[in-house]
Amino acid sequence: MMLFAITINIIAQFCSPIVIDETLNKAGSDFSYYFTYGITFLIVAIVSFLTIKYLLHPDEISPDHIKRRILSDD
């Protein structure tokens, strides 16, 4: 019975809530957060722009485009 109580006590120590140190940086208060958000926004903006651009104007004008070879009646 004593071994059971000791085991429960050890498990309870590992399962206790984590106390966060108040000196840690809060989200959004450090340059790295702004840098990460900025780079992420830039990547999403570029991908969105190129997606819309190639959706509206796919630039498949050249005669040697793969679509022309597949659709030809040779």
C-alpha atoms as a PDB file:
ATOM      1  CA  MET A   1       0.000   0.000   0.000  1.00  0.00           C
ATOM      2  CA  MET A   2       2.888   2.336   0.785  1.00  0.00           C
ATOM      3  CA  LEU A   3       4.441   1.683  -2.625  1.00  0.00           C
ATOM      4  CA  PHE A   4       1.121   2.597  -4.251  1.00  0.00           C
ATOM      5  CA  ALA A   5       0.979   5.913  -2.348  1.00  0.00           C
ATOM      6  CA  ILE A   6       4.566   6.764  -3.301  1.00  0.00           C
ATOM      7  CA  THR A   7       3.851   5.989  -6.961  1.00  0.00           C
ATOM      8  CA  ILE A   8       0.729   8.172  -6.953  1.00  0.00           C
ATOM      9  CA  ASN A   9       2.710  10.982  -5.319  1.00  0.00           C
ATOM     10  CA  ILE A  10       5.425  10.813  -7.993  1.00  0.00           C
ATOM     11  CA  ILE A  11       2.853  10.769 -10.801  1.00  0.00           C
ATOM     12  CA  ALA A  12       1.024  13.722  -9.250  1.00  0.00           C
ATOM     13  CA  GLN A  13       4.218  15.758  -9.231  1.00  0.00           C
ATOM     14  CA  PHE A  14       4.648  15.280 -12.972  1.00  0.00           C
ATOM     15  CA  CYS A  15       0.990  15.983 -13.686  1.00  0.00           C
ATOM     16  CA  SER A  16       0.800  19.188 -11.690  1.00  0.00           C
ATOM     17  CA  PRO A  17       0.093  22.384 -13.634  1.00  0.00           C
ATOM     18  CA  ILE A  18       3.120  24.049 -15.123  1.00  0.00           C
ATOM     19  CA  VAL A  19       3.909  27.388 -13.541  1.00  0.00           C
ATOM     20  CA  ILE A  20       4.981  29.866 -16.214  1.00  0.00           C
ATOM     21  CA  ASP A  21       7.661  32.296 -15.212  1.00  0.00           C
ATOM     22  CA  GLU A  22       6.348  35.858 -15.399  1.00  0.00           C
ATOM     23  CA  THR A  23       9.601  37.060 -16.933  1.00  0.00           C
ATOM     24  CA  LEU A  24       8.976  35.149 -20.165  1.00  0.00           C
ATOM     25  CA  ASN A  25       8.051  37.216 -23.200  1.00  0.00           C
ATOM     26  CA  LYS A  26       4.376  37.405 -23.926  1.00  0.00           C
ATOM     27  CA  ALA A  27       3.185  36.663 -27.449  1.00  0.00           C
ATOM     28  CA  GLY A  28       3.560  39.694 -29.660  1.00  0.00           C
ATOM     29  CA  SER A  29       5.962  41.586 -27.432  1.00  0.00           C
ATOM     30  CA  ASP A  30       9.183  40.431 -29.040  1.00  0.00           C
ATOM     31  CA  PHE A  31      10.714  41.323 -32.408  1.00  0.00           C
ATOM     32  CA  SER A  32      10.829  37.669 -33.467  1.00  0.00           C
ATOM     33  CA  TYR A  33       7.051  37.411 -33.278  1.00  0.00           C
ATOM     34  CA  TYR A  34       6.591  40.471 -35.482  1.00  0.00           C
ATOM     35  CA  PHE A  35       9.248  39.191 -37.881  1.00  0.00           C
ATOM     36  CA  THR A  36       7.572  35.768 -38.101  1.00  0.00           C
ATOM     37  CA  TYR A  37       4.126  37.310 -38.621  1.00  0.00           C
ATOM     38  CA  GLY A  38       5.525  39.651 -41.270  1.00  0.00           C
ATOM     39  CA  ILE A  39       7.268  36.892 -43.223  1.00  0.00           C
ATOM     40  CA  THR A  40       4.179  34.695 -42.989  1.00  0.00           C
ATOM     41  CA  PHE A  41       1.946  37.514 -44.224  1.00  0.00           C
ATOM     42  CA  LEU A  42       4.359  38.218 -47.080  1.00  0.00           C
ATOM     43  CA  ILE A  43       4.404  34.570 -48.201  1.00  0.00           C
ATOM     44  CA  VAL A  44       0.603  34.305 -48.043  1.00  0.00           C
ATOM     45  CA  ALA A  45       0.214  37.565 -49.976  1.00  0.00           C
ATOM     46  CA  ILE A  46       2.616  36.446 -52.730  1.00  0.00           C
ATOM     47  CA  VAL A  47       0.973  33.031 -53.062  1.00  0.00           C
ATOM     48  CA  SER A  48      -2.507  34.590 -53.128  1.00  0.00           C
ATOM     49  CA  PHE A  49      -1.458  37.126 -55.769  1.00  0.00           C
ATOM     50  CA  LEU A  50       0.135  34.499 -58.014  1.00  0.00           C
ATOM     51  CA  THR A  51      -2.837  32.163 -57.596  1.00  0.00           C
ATOM     52  CA  ILE A  52      -5.302  34.815 -58.718  1.00  0.00           C
ATOM     53  CA  LYS A  53      -2.976  36.022 -61.503  1.00  0.00           C
ATOM     54  CA  TYR A  54      -2.504  32.586 -63.057  1.00  0.00           C
ATOM     55  CA  LEU A  55      -6.143  31.688 -62.530  1.00  0.00           C
ATOM     56  CA  LEU A  56      -7.310  34.728 -64.513  1.00  0.00           C
ATOM     57  CA  HIS A  57      -4.473  34.859 -67.095  1.00  0.00           C
ATOM     58  CA  PRO A  58      -2.708  31.493 -67.331  1.00  0.00           C
ATOM     59  CA  ASP A  59      -0.250  32.654 -70.076  1.00  0.00           C
ATOM     60  CA  GLU A  60      -0.653  29.558 -72.221  1.00  0.00           C
ATOM     61  CA  ILE A  61      -0.088  31.447 -75.474  1.00  0.00           C
ATOM     62  CA  SER A  62       3.121  29.849 -76.723  1.00  0.00           C
ATOM     63  CA  PRO A  63       2.724  27.229 -79.488  1.00  0.00           C
ATOM     64  CA  ASP A  64       5.026  24.759 -77.708  1.00  0.00           C
ATOM     65  CA  HIS A  65       2.998  24.741 -74.494  1.00  0.00           C
ATOM     66  CA  ILE A  66       2.261  21.230 -73.174  1.00  0.00           C
ATOM     67  CA  LYS A  67      -1.460  21.812 -73.636  1.00  0.00           C
ATOM     68  CA  ARG A  68      -0.970  22.273 -77.384  1.00  0.00           C
ATOM     69  CA  ARG A  69       0.927  18.976 -77.688  1.00  0.00           C
ATOM     70  CA  ILE A  70      -1.730  17.070 -75.771  1.00  0.00           C
ATOM     71  CA  LEU A  71      -4.692  18.580 -77.620  1.00  0.00           C
ATOM     72  CA  SER A  72      -3.205  18.348 -81.111  1.00  0.00           C
ATOM     73  CA  ASP A  73      -4.833  15.975 -83.596  1.00  0.00           C
ATOM     74  CA  ASP A  74      -1.611  14.333 -84.777  1.00  0.00           C
END
